[in-house]
């Protein structure tokens, strides 16, 4: 009888955790992140900056590349000249952001 109660307790915990994890998942992008494609249409590598809320990072887009990246909403993408070229919003999902033409 004791083992049966333990089995039911384990099953109940598993079901609760599963339900909670499904409840907190976002329906846009990858867990609240938004996928955009970083595109470099130049014939040389180009550096660009990504400024997320609270931090910024520099990346390199290789010549002729098109790479998927995921960002949180509000992230700003700057080209090599320092000009903001895109701010990530929910409607950015799947869009191409050209960092060099």
PDB file of N, CA and C in Angstrom:
ATOM      1  N   UNK A   1       0.823  -1.199   0.000  1.00  0.00           N
ATOM      2  CA  UNK A   1       0.000   0.000   0.000  1.00  0.00           C
ATOM      3  C   UNK A   1       0.868   1.264   0.000  1.00  0.00           C
ATOM      4  N   UNK A   2       1.962   1.226   0.782  1.00  0.00           N
ATOM      5  CA  UNK A   2       2.839   2.378   0.866  1.00  0.00           C
ATOM      6  C   UNK A   2       3.485   2.679  -0.495  1.00  0.00           C
ATOM      7  N   UNK A   3       3.870   1.623  -1.225  1.00  0.00           N
ATOM      8  CA  UNK A   3       4.483   1.802  -2.550  1.00  0.00           C
ATOM      9  C   UNK A   3       3.481   2.377  -3.545  1.00  0.00           C
ATOM     10  N   UNK A   4       2.241   1.990  -3.421  1.00  0.00           N
ATOM     11  CA  UNK A   4       1.196   2.505  -4.306  1.00  0.00           C
ATOM     12  C   UNK A   4       0.985   3.996  -4.078  1.00  0.00           C
ATOM     13  N   UNK A   5       1.008   4.427  -2.841  1.00  0.00           N
ATOM     14  CA  UNK A   5       0.863   5.850  -2.508  1.00  0.00           C
ATOM     15  C   UNK A   5       2.055   6.636  -3.048  1.00  0.00           C
ATOM     16  N   UNK A   6       3.272   6.078  -2.914  1.00  0.00           N
ATOM     17  CA  UNK A   6       4.462   6.734  -3.441  1.00  0.00           C
ATOM     18  C   UNK A   6       4.379   6.863  -4.960  1.00  0.00           C
ATOM     19  N   UNK A   7       3.900   5.823  -5.617  1.00  0.00           N
ATOM     20  CA  UNK A   7       3.751   5.857  -7.076  1.00  0.00           C
ATOM     21  C   UNK A   7       2.771   6.945  -7.489  1.00  0.00           C
ATOM     22  N   UNK A   8       1.644   7.042  -6.809  1.00  0.00           N
ATOM     23  CA  UNK A   8       0.677   8.097  -7.118  1.00  0.00           C
ATOM     24  C   UNK A   8       1.261   9.484  -6.859  1.00  0.00           C
ATOM     25  N   UNK A   9       2.063   9.634  -5.812  1.00  0.00           N
ATOM     26  CA  UNK A   9       2.690  10.922  -5.510  1.00  0.00           C
ATOM     27  C   UNK A   9       3.665  11.316  -6.615  1.00  0.00           C
ATOM     28  N   UNK A  10       4.462  10.365  -7.089  1.00  0.00           N
ATOM     29  CA  UNK A  10       5.407  10.642  -8.171  1.00  0.00           C
ATOM     30  C   UNK A  10       4.661  11.030  -9.449  1.00  0.00           C
ATOM     31  N   UNK A  11       3.609  10.318  -9.770  1.00  0.00           N
ATOM     32  CA  UNK A  11       2.814  10.627 -10.963  1.00  0.00           C
ATOM     33  C   UNK A  11       2.184  12.014 -10.833  1.00  0.00           C
ATOM     34  N   UNK A  12       1.654  12.342  -9.657  1.00  0.00           N
ATOM     35  CA  UNK A  12       1.032  13.652  -9.446  1.00  0.00           C
ATOM     36  C   UNK A  12       2.053  14.774  -9.601  1.00  0.00           C
ATOM     37  N   UNK A  13       3.261  14.584  -9.055  1.00  0.00           N
ATOM     38  CA  UNK A  13       4.309  15.606  -9.191  1.00  0.00           C
ATOM     39  C   UNK A  13       4.687  15.774 -10.655  1.00  0.00           C
ATOM     40  N   UNK A  14       4.849  14.665 -11.363  1.00  0.00           N
ATOM     41  CA  UNK A  14       5.193  14.720 -12.789  1.00  0.00           C
ATOM     42  C   UNK A  14       4.131  15.479 -13.584  1.00  0.00           C
ATOM     43  N   UNK A  15       2.874  15.199 -13.326  1.00  0.00           N
ATOM     44  CA  UNK A  15       1.791  15.874 -14.043  1.00  0.00           C
ATOM     45  C   UNK A  15       1.758  17.366 -13.723  1.00  0.00           C
ATOM     46  N   UNK A  16       1.989  17.728 -12.459  1.00  0.00           N
ATOM     47  CA  UNK A  16       2.006  19.143 -12.083  1.00  0.00           C
ATOM     48  C   UNK A  16       3.145  19.887 -12.766  1.00  0.00           C
ATOM     49  N   UNK A  17       4.332  19.298 -12.774  1.00  0.00           N
ATOM     50  CA  UNK A  17       5.477  19.932 -13.415  1.00  0.00           C
ATOM     51  C   UNK A  17       5.232  20.069 -14.920  1.00  0.00           C
ATOM     52  N   UNK A  18       4.682  19.038 -15.540  1.00  0.00           N
ATOM     53  CA  UNK A  18       4.382  19.102 -16.975  1.00  0.00           C
ATOM     54  C   UNK A  18       3.379  20.206 -17.283  1.00  0.00           C
ATOM     55  N   UNK A  19       2.339  20.292 -16.482  1.00  0.00           N
ATOM     56  CA  UNK A  19       1.326  21.315 -16.694  1.00  0.00           C
ATOM     57  C   UNK A  19       1.911  22.713 -16.532  1.00  0.00           C
ATOM     58  N   UNK A  20       2.720  22.919 -15.486  1.00  0.00           N
ATOM     59  CA  UNK A  20       3.308  24.229 -15.256  1.00  0.00           C
ATOM     60  C   UNK A  20       4.271  24.620 -16.371  1.00  0.00           C
ATOM     61  N   UNK A  21       5.059  23.687 -16.854  1.00  0.00           N
ATOM     62  CA  UNK A  21       5.996  24.029 -17.924  1.00  0.00           C
ATOM     63  C   UNK A  21       5.256  24.397 -19.198  1.00  0.00           C
ATOM     64  N   UNK A  22       4.136  23.743 -19.490  1.00  0.00           N
ATOM     65  CA  UNK A  22       3.351  24.098 -20.677  1.00  0.00           C
ATOM     66  C   UNK A  22       2.681  25.454 -20.492  1.00  0.00           C
ATOM     67  N   UNK A  23       2.307  25.795 -19.266  1.00  0.00           N
ATOM     68  CA  UNK A  23       1.631  27.061 -18.996  1.00  0.00           C
ATOM     69  C   UNK A  23       2.539  28.253 -19.207  1.00  0.00           C
ATOM     70  N   UNK A  24       3.821  28.099 -18.927  1.00  0.00           N
ATOM     71  CA  UNK A  24       4.746  29.210 -19.012  1.00  0.00           C
ATOM     72  C   UNK A  24       5.448  29.320 -20.354  1.00  0.00           C
ATOM     73  N   UNK A  25       5.194  28.420 -21.275  1.00  0.00           N
ATOM     74  CA  UNK A  25       5.828  28.509 -22.584  1.00  0.00           C
ATOM     75  C   UNK A  25       5.153  29.594 -23.400  1.00  0.00           C
ATOM     76  N   UNK A  26       5.987  30.347 -24.123  1.00  0.00           N
ATOM     77  CA  UNK A  26       5.481  31.415 -24.976  1.00  0.00           C
ATOM     78  C   UNK A  26       5.131  30.853 -26.345  1.00  0.00           C
ATOM     79  N   UNK A  27       4.162  31.428 -26.987  1.00  0.00           N
ATOM     80  CA  UNK A  27       3.758  30.953 -28.296  1.00  0.00           C
ATOM     81  C   UNK A  27       4.502  31.660 -29.430  1.00  0.00           C
ATOM     82  N   UNK A  28       5.314  32.683 -29.133  1.00  0.00           N
ATOM     83  CA  UNK A  28       6.042  33.389 -30.180  1.00  0.00           C
ATOM     84  C   UNK A  28       7.519  33.035 -30.107  1.00  0.00           C
ATOM     85  N   UNK A  29       8.026  32.466 -31.159  1.00  0.00           N
ATOM     86  CA  UNK A  29       9.456  32.160 -31.233  1.00  0.00           C
ATOM     87  C   UNK A  29       9.852  31.028 -30.319  1.00  0.00           C
ATOM     88  N   UNK A  30      11.063  31.045 -29.861  1.00  0.00           N
ATOM     89  CA  UNK A  30      11.664  29.980 -29.078  1.00  0.00           C
ATOM     90  C   UNK A  30      11.654  30.367 -27.609  1.00  0.00           C
ATOM     91  N   UNK A  31      10.560  30.062 -26.887  1.00  0.00           N
ATOM     92  CA  UNK A  31      10.483  30.384 -25.467  1.00  0.00           C
ATOM     93  C   UNK A  31      10.538  31.869 -25.190  1.00  0.00           C
ATOM     94  N   UNK A  32       9.821  32.694 -25.972  1.00  0.00           N
ATOM     95  CA  UNK A  32       9.840  34.134 -25.781  1.00  0.00           C
ATOM     96  C   UNK A  32      10.891  34.831 -26.612  1.00  0.00           C
ATOM     97  N   UNK A  33      11.696  34.064 -27.316  1.00  0.00           N
ATOM     98  CA  UNK A  33      12.721  34.637 -28.183  1.00  0.00           C
ATOM     99  C   UNK A  33      12.200  34.658 -29.614  1.00  0.00           C
ATOM    100  N   UNK A  34      12.695  35.618 -30.384  1.00  0.00           N
ATOM    101  CA  UNK A  34      12.200  35.850 -31.742  1.00  0.00           C
ATOM    102  C   UNK A  34      13.330  35.580 -32.725  1.00  0.00           C
ATOM    103  N   UNK A  35      13.057  34.720 -33.714  1.00  0.00           N
ATOM    104  CA  UNK A  35      14.086  34.362 -34.686  1.00  0.00           C
ATOM    105  C   UNK A  35      14.064  35.312 -35.870  1.00  0.00           C
ATOM    106  N   UNK A  36      15.235  35.885 -36.169  1.00  0.00           N
ATOM    107  CA  UNK A  36      15.422  36.688 -37.381  1.00  0.00           C
ATOM    108  C   UNK A  36      16.641  36.145 -38.106  1.00  0.00           C
ATOM    109  N   UNK A  37      16.747  36.456 -39.368  1.00  0.00           N
ATOM    110  CA  UNK A  37      17.887  36.023 -40.166  1.00  0.00           C
ATOM    111  C   UNK A  37      18.808  37.213 -40.404  1.00  0.00           C
ATOM    112  N   UNK A  38      20.056  37.079 -39.995  1.00  0.00           N
ATOM    113  CA  UNK A  38      21.056  38.113 -40.223  1.00  0.00           C
ATOM    114  C   UNK A  38      21.671  37.846 -41.593  1.00  0.00           C
ATOM    115  N   UNK A  39      21.557  38.825 -42.502  1.00  0.00           N
ATOM    116  CA  UNK A  39      21.989  38.651 -43.880  1.00  0.00           C
ATOM    117  C   UNK A  39      23.105  39.636 -44.210  1.00  0.00           C
ATOM    118  N   UNK A  40      24.148  39.128 -44.851  1.00  0.00           N
ATOM    119  CA  UNK A  40      25.242  39.965 -45.345  1.00  0.00           C
ATOM    120  C   UNK A  40      25.290  39.806 -46.856  1.00  0.00           C
ATOM    121  N   UNK A  41      24.904  40.856 -47.584  1.00  0.00           N
ATOM    122  CA  UNK A  41      24.896  40.816 -49.049  1.00  0.00           C
ATOM    123  C   UNK A  41      26.165  41.416 -49.648  1.00  0.00           C
ATOM    124  N   UNK A  42      27.151  41.689 -48.802  1.00  0.00           N
ATOM    125  CA  UNK A  42      28.422  42.235 -49.280  1.00  0.00           C
ATOM    126  C   UNK A  42      29.378  41.096 -49.637  1.00  0.00           C
ATOM    127  N   UNK A  43      30.433  41.447 -50.337  1.00  0.00           N
ATOM    128  CA  UNK A  43      31.429  40.442 -50.718  1.00  0.00           C
ATOM    129  C   UNK A  43      32.575  40.393 -49.710  1.00  0.00           C
ATOM    130  N   UNK A  44      32.365  40.934 -48.512  1.00  0.00           N
ATOM    131  CA  UNK A  44      33.367  40.860 -47.453  1.00  0.00           C
ATOM    132  C   UNK A  44      32.661  40.696 -46.112  1.00  0.00           C
ATOM    133  N   UNK A  45      33.408  40.247 -45.122  1.00  0.00           N
ATOM    134  CA  UNK A  45      32.855  40.105 -43.776  1.00  0.00           C
ATOM    135  C   UNK A  45      32.524  41.481 -43.217  1.00  0.00           C
ATOM    136  N   UNK A  46      31.502  41.533 -42.364  1.00  0.00           N
ATOM    137  CA  UNK A  46      31.121  42.811 -41.764  1.00  0.00           C
ATOM    138  C   UNK A  46      30.791  42.592 -40.290  1.00  0.00           C
ATOM    139  N   UNK A  47      31.210  43.522 -39.456  1.00  0.00           N
ATOM    140  CA  UNK A  47      30.900  43.464 -38.025  1.00  0.00           C
ATOM    141  C   UNK A  47      29.621  44.259 -37.778  1.00  0.00           C
ATOM    142  N   UNK A  48      28.802  43.747 -36.882  1.00  0.00           N
ATOM    143  CA  UNK A  48      27.582  44.450 -36.489  1.00  0.00           C
ATOM    144  C   UNK A  48      27.392  44.276 -34.993  1.00  0.00           C
ATOM    145  N   UNK A  49      26.558  45.120 -34.410  1.00  0.00           N
ATOM    146  CA  UNK A  49      26.336  45.121 -32.957  1.00  0.00           C
ATOM    147  C   UNK A  49      24.894  44.766 -32.654  1.00  0.00           C
ATOM    148  N   UNK A  50      24.724  43.990 -31.596  1.00  0.00           N
ATOM    149  CA  UNK A  50      23.399  43.631 -31.101  1.00  0.00           C
ATOM    150  C   UNK A  50      23.304  44.125 -29.666  1.00  0.00           C
ATOM    151  N   UNK A  51      22.326  44.973 -29.405  1.00  0.00           N
ATOM    152  CA  UNK A  51      22.133  45.522 -28.059  1.00  0.00           C
ATOM    153  C   UNK A  51      20.809  45.008 -27.500  1.00  0.00           C
ATOM    154  N   UNK A  52      20.914  44.040 -26.603  1.00  0.00           N
ATOM    155  CA  UNK A  52      19.741  43.522 -25.903  1.00  0.00           C
ATOM    156  C   UNK A  52      19.546  44.349 -24.650  1.00  0.00           C
ATOM    157  N   UNK A  53      18.359  44.307 -24.076  1.00  0.00           N
ATOM    158  CA  UNK A  53      18.165  45.034 -22.828  1.00  0.00           C
ATOM    159  C   UNK A  53      19.184  44.573 -21.781  1.00  0.00           C
ATOM    160  N   UNK A  54      20.081  45.476 -21.398  1.00  0.00           N
ATOM    161  CA  UNK A  54      21.067  45.164 -20.376  1.00  0.00           C
ATOM    162  C   UNK A  54      22.449  44.777 -20.867  1.00  0.00           C
ATOM    163  N   UNK A  55      22.641  44.553 -22.171  1.00  0.00           N
ATOM    164  CA  UNK A  55      23.972  44.184 -22.662  1.00  0.00           C
ATOM    165  C   UNK A  55      24.070  44.436 -24.159  1.00  0.00           C
ATOM    166  N   UNK A  56      25.320  44.422 -24.662  1.00  0.00           N
ATOM    167  CA  UNK A  56      25.515  44.518 -26.109  1.00  0.00           C
ATOM    168  C   UNK A  56      26.702  43.650 -26.497  1.00  0.00           C
ATOM    169  N   UNK A  57      26.654  43.123 -27.712  1.00  0.00           N
ATOM    170  CA  UNK A  57      27.683  42.227 -28.222  1.00  0.00           C
ATOM    171  C   UNK A  57      27.946  42.540 -29.679  1.00  0.00           C
ATOM    172  N   UNK A  58      29.197  42.389 -30.086  1.00  0.00           N
ATOM    173  CA  UNK A  58      29.562  42.543 -31.493  1.00  0.00           C
ATOM    174  C   UNK A  58      29.690  41.164 -32.136  1.00  0.00           C
ATOM    175  N   UNK A  59      29.197  41.053 -33.355  1.00  0.00           N
ATOM    176  CA  UNK A  59      29.248  39.811 -34.118  1.00  0.00           C
ATOM    177  C   UNK A  59      29.860  40.097 -35.478  1.00  0.00           C
ATOM    178  N   UNK A  60      30.234  39.030 -36.178  1.00  0.00           N
ATOM    179  CA  UNK A  60      30.702  39.134 -37.554  1.00  0.00           C
ATOM    180  C   UNK A  60      29.754  38.356 -38.446  1.00  0.00           C
ATOM    181  N   UNK A  61      29.287  39.012 -39.510  1.00  0.00           N
ATOM    182  CA  UNK A  61      28.493  38.334 -40.534  1.00  0.00           C
ATOM    183  C   UNK A  61      29.443  38.097 -41.708  1.00  0.00           C
ATOM    184  N   UNK A  62      29.635  36.853 -42.050  1.00  0.00           N
ATOM    185  CA  UNK A  62      30.568  36.517 -43.120  1.00  0.00           C
ATOM    186  C   UNK A  62      29.958  36.813 -44.481  1.00  0.00           C
ATOM    187  N   UNK A  63      30.815  37.083 -45.457  1.00  0.00           N
ATOM    188  CA  UNK A  63      30.350  37.505 -46.781  1.00  0.00           C
ATOM    189  C   UNK A  63      29.345  36.516 -47.364  1.00  0.00           C
ATOM    190  N   UNK A  64      28.241  37.060 -47.831  1.00  0.00           N
ATOM    191  CA  UNK A  64      27.190  36.268 -48.459  1.00  0.00           C
ATOM    192  C   UNK A  64      26.407  35.363 -47.522  1.00  0.00           C
ATOM    193  N   UNK A  65      26.501  35.579 -46.224  1.00  0.00           N
ATOM    194  CA  UNK A  65      25.845  34.666 -45.272  1.00  0.00           C
ATOM    195  C   UNK A  65      24.407  35.069 -44.960  1.00  0.00           C
ATOM    196  N   UNK A  66      23.659  34.080 -44.489  1.00  0.00           N
ATOM    197  CA  UNK A  66      22.286  34.283 -43.994  1.00  0.00           C
ATOM    198  C   UNK A  66      22.126  33.330 -42.814  1.00  0.00           C
ATOM    199  N   UNK A  67      22.235  33.877 -41.595  1.00  0.00           N
ATOM    200  CA  UNK A  67      22.233  33.048 -40.391  1.00  0.00           C
ATOM    201  C   UNK A  67      21.041  33.359 -39.500  1.00  0.00           C
ATOM    202  N   UNK A  68      20.342  32.311 -39.029  1.00  0.00           N
ATOM    203  CA  UNK A  68      19.252  32.544 -38.083  1.00  0.00           C
ATOM    204  C   UNK A  68      19.804  32.827 -36.692  1.00  0.00           C
ATOM    205  N   UNK A  69      19.225  33.794 -36.023  1.00  0.00           N
ATOM    206  CA  UNK A  69      19.587  34.111 -34.638  1.00  0.00           C
ATOM    207  C   UNK A  69      18.296  34.422 -33.891  1.00  0.00           C
ATOM    208  N   UNK A  70      18.299  34.188 -32.596  1.00  0.00           N
ATOM    209  CA  UNK A  70      17.118  34.500 -31.798  1.00  0.00           C
ATOM    210  C   UNK A  70      17.451  35.588 -30.795  1.00  0.00           C
ATOM    211  N   UNK A  71      16.489  36.479 -30.601  1.00  0.00           N
ATOM    212  CA  UNK A  71      16.665  37.628 -29.719  1.00  0.00           C
ATOM    213  C   UNK A  71      15.402  37.845 -28.900  1.00  0.00           C
ATOM    214  N   UNK A  72      15.544  38.553 -27.780  1.00  0.00           N
ATOM    215  CA  UNK A  72      14.372  38.955 -27.010  1.00  0.00           C
ATOM    216  C   UNK A  72      13.794  40.223 -27.645  1.00  0.00           C
ATOM    217  N   UNK A  73      12.528  40.431 -27.422  1.00  0.00           N
ATOM    218  CA  UNK A  73      11.876  41.629 -27.942  1.00  0.00           C
ATOM    219  C   UNK A  73      12.545  42.867 -27.355  1.00  0.00           C
ATOM    220  N   UNK A  74      12.753  43.872 -28.194  1.00  0.00           N
ATOM    221  CA  UNK A  74      13.398  45.099 -27.762  1.00  0.00           C
ATOM    222  C   UNK A  74      14.872  45.159 -28.114  1.00  0.00           C
ATOM    223  N   UNK A  75      15.425  44.042 -28.601  1.00  0.00           N
ATOM    224  CA  UNK A  75      16.830  44.023 -29.012  1.00  0.00           C
ATOM    225  C   UNK A  75      17.000  44.913 -30.231  1.00  0.00           C
ATOM    226  N   UNK A  76      18.103  45.674 -30.248  1.00  0.00           N
ATOM    227  CA  UNK A  76      18.389  46.559 -31.382  1.00  0.00           C
ATOM    228  C   UNK A  76      19.616  46.046 -32.114  1.00  0.00           C
ATOM    229  N   UNK A  77      19.551  46.066 -33.450  1.00  0.00           N
ATOM    230  CA  UNK A  77      20.652  45.594 -34.285  1.00  0.00           C
ATOM    231  C   UNK A  77      21.213  46.793 -35.033  1.00  0.00           C
ATOM    232  N   UNK A  78      22.538  46.957 -34.940  1.00  0.00           N
ATOM    233  CA  UNK A  78      23.236  48.083 -35.561  1.00  0.00           C
ATOM    234  C   UNK A  78      24.194  47.573 -36.633  1.00  0.00           C
ATOM    235  N   UNK A  79      24.324  48.329 -37.739  1.00  0.00           N
ATOM    236  CA  UNK A  79      25.286  47.952 -38.773  1.00  0.00           C
ATOM    237  C   UNK A  79      26.686  48.402 -38.369  1.00  0.00           C
ATOM    238  N   UNK A  80      27.668  48.171 -39.249  1.00  0.00           N
ATOM    239  CA  UNK A  80      29.060  48.494 -38.916  1.00  0.00           C
ATOM    240  C   UNK A  80      29.306  49.997 -38.791  1.00  0.00           C
ATOM    241  N   UNK A  81      28.417  50.818 -39.348  1.00  0.00           N
ATOM    242  CA  UNK A  81      28.540  52.268 -39.216  1.00  0.00           C
ATOM    243  C   UNK A  81      27.957  52.782 -37.898  1.00  0.00           C
ATOM    244  N   UNK A  82      27.338  51.883 -37.128  1.00  0.00           N
ATOM    245  CA  UNK A  82      26.732  52.277 -35.860  1.00  0.00           C
ATOM    246  C   UNK A  82      25.295  52.728 -35.981  1.00  0.00           C
ATOM    247  N   UNK A  83      24.717  52.605 -37.186  1.00  0.00           N
ATOM    248  CA  UNK A  83      23.317  52.986 -37.391  1.00  0.00           C
ATOM    249  C   UNK A  83      22.393  51.838 -36.991  1.00  0.00           C
ATOM    250  N   UNK A  84      21.331  52.151 -36.213  1.00  0.00           N
ATOM    251  CA  UNK A  84      20.363  51.114 -35.878  1.00  0.00           C
ATOM    252  C   UNK A  84      19.582  50.757 -37.135  1.00  0.00           C
ATOM    253  N   UNK A  85      19.567  49.473 -37.464  1.00  0.00           N
ATOM    254  CA  UNK A  85      18.883  49.044 -38.682  1.00  0.00           C
ATOM    255  C   UNK A  85      17.625  48.233 -38.398  1.00  0.00           C
ATOM    256  N   UNK A  86      17.481  47.749 -37.145  1.00  0.00           N
ATOM    257  CA  UNK A  86      16.280  46.970 -36.828  1.00  0.00           C
ATOM    258  C   UNK A  86      16.104  46.881 -35.318  1.00  0.00           C
ATOM    259  N   UNK A  87      14.854  47.014 -34.867  1.00  0.00           N
ATOM    260  CA  UNK A  87      14.504  46.726 -33.480  1.00  0.00           C
ATOM    261  C   UNK A  87      13.579  45.527 -33.489  1.00  0.00           C
ATOM    262  N   UNK A  88      13.938  44.498 -32.747  1.00  0.00           N
ATOM    263  CA  UNK A  88      13.199  43.239 -32.754  1.00  0.00           C
ATOM    264  C   UNK A  88      11.879  43.407 -32.009  1.00  0.00           C
ATOM    265  N   UNK A  89      10.808  43.037 -32.701  1.00  0.00           N
ATOM    266  CA  UNK A  89       9.464  43.025 -32.119  1.00  0.00           C
ATOM    267  C   UNK A  89       8.849  41.658 -32.406  1.00  0.00           C
ATOM    268  N   UNK A  90       7.678  41.406 -31.887  1.00  0.00           N
ATOM    269  CA  UNK A  90       7.006  40.129 -32.133  1.00  0.00           C
ATOM    270  C   UNK A  90       6.776  39.908 -33.628  1.00  0.00           C
ATOM    271  N   UNK A  91       6.558  40.985 -34.369  1.00  0.00           N
ATOM    272  CA  UNK A  91       6.313  40.847 -35.804  1.00  0.00           C
ATOM    273  C   UNK A  91       7.599  40.619 -36.606  1.00  0.00           C
ATOM    274  N   UNK A  92       8.757  40.621 -35.937  1.00  0.00           N
ATOM    275  CA  UNK A  92      10.036  40.385 -36.611  1.00  0.00           C
ATOM    276  C   UNK A  92      10.278  38.907 -36.902  1.00  0.00           C
ATOM    277  N   UNK A  93       9.487  38.028 -36.317  1.00  0.00           N
ATOM    278  CA  UNK A  93       9.686  36.588 -36.456  1.00  0.00           C
ATOM    279  C   UNK A  93       9.850  36.178 -37.929  1.00  0.00           C
ATOM    280  N   UNK A  94      11.014  35.571 -38.235  1.00  0.00           N
ATOM    281  CA  UNK A  94      11.282  35.061 -39.581  1.00  0.00           C
ATOM    282  C   UNK A  94      11.777  36.087 -40.582  1.00  0.00           C
ATOM    283  N   UNK A  95      11.883  37.352 -40.187  1.00  0.00           N
ATOM    284  CA  UNK A  95      12.305  38.401 -41.135  1.00  0.00           C
ATOM    285  C   UNK A  95      13.821  38.383 -41.326  1.00  0.00           C
ATOM    286  N   UNK A  96      14.242  38.933 -42.481  1.00  0.00           N
ATOM    287  CA  UNK A  96      15.660  39.080 -42.782  1.00  0.00           C
ATOM    288  C   UNK A  96      16.116  40.486 -42.404  1.00  0.00           C
ATOM    289  N   UNK A  97      17.233  40.567 -41.693  1.00  0.00           N
ATOM    290  CA  UNK A  97      17.838  41.846 -41.327  1.00  0.00           C
ATOM    291  C   UNK A  97      19.163  41.922 -42.061  1.00  0.00           C
ATOM    292  N   UNK A  98      19.246  42.842 -43.025  1.00  0.00           N
ATOM    293  CA  UNK A  98      20.432  42.966 -43.865  1.00  0.00           C
ATOM    294  C   UNK A  98      21.421  43.911 -43.173  1.00  0.00           C
ATOM    295  N   UNK A  99      22.585  43.373 -42.753  1.00  0.00           N
ATOM    296  CA  UNK A  99      23.586  44.200 -42.065  1.00  0.00           C
ATOM    297  C   UNK A  99      24.555  44.844 -43.039  1.00  0.00           C
ATOM    298  N   UNK A 100      24.580  44.401 -44.301  1.00  0.00           N
ATOM    299  CA  UNK A 100      25.427  45.003 -45.323  1.00  0.00           C
ATOM    300  C   UNK A 100      24.819  44.685 -46.679  1.00  0.00           C
ATOM    301  N   UNK A 101      24.656  45.738 -47.537  1.00  0.00           N
ATOM    302  CA  UNK A 101      24.052  45.544 -48.868  1.00  0.00           C
ATOM    303  C   UNK A 101      25.113  45.538 -49.940  1.00  0.00           C
TER     304      UNK A 101
END
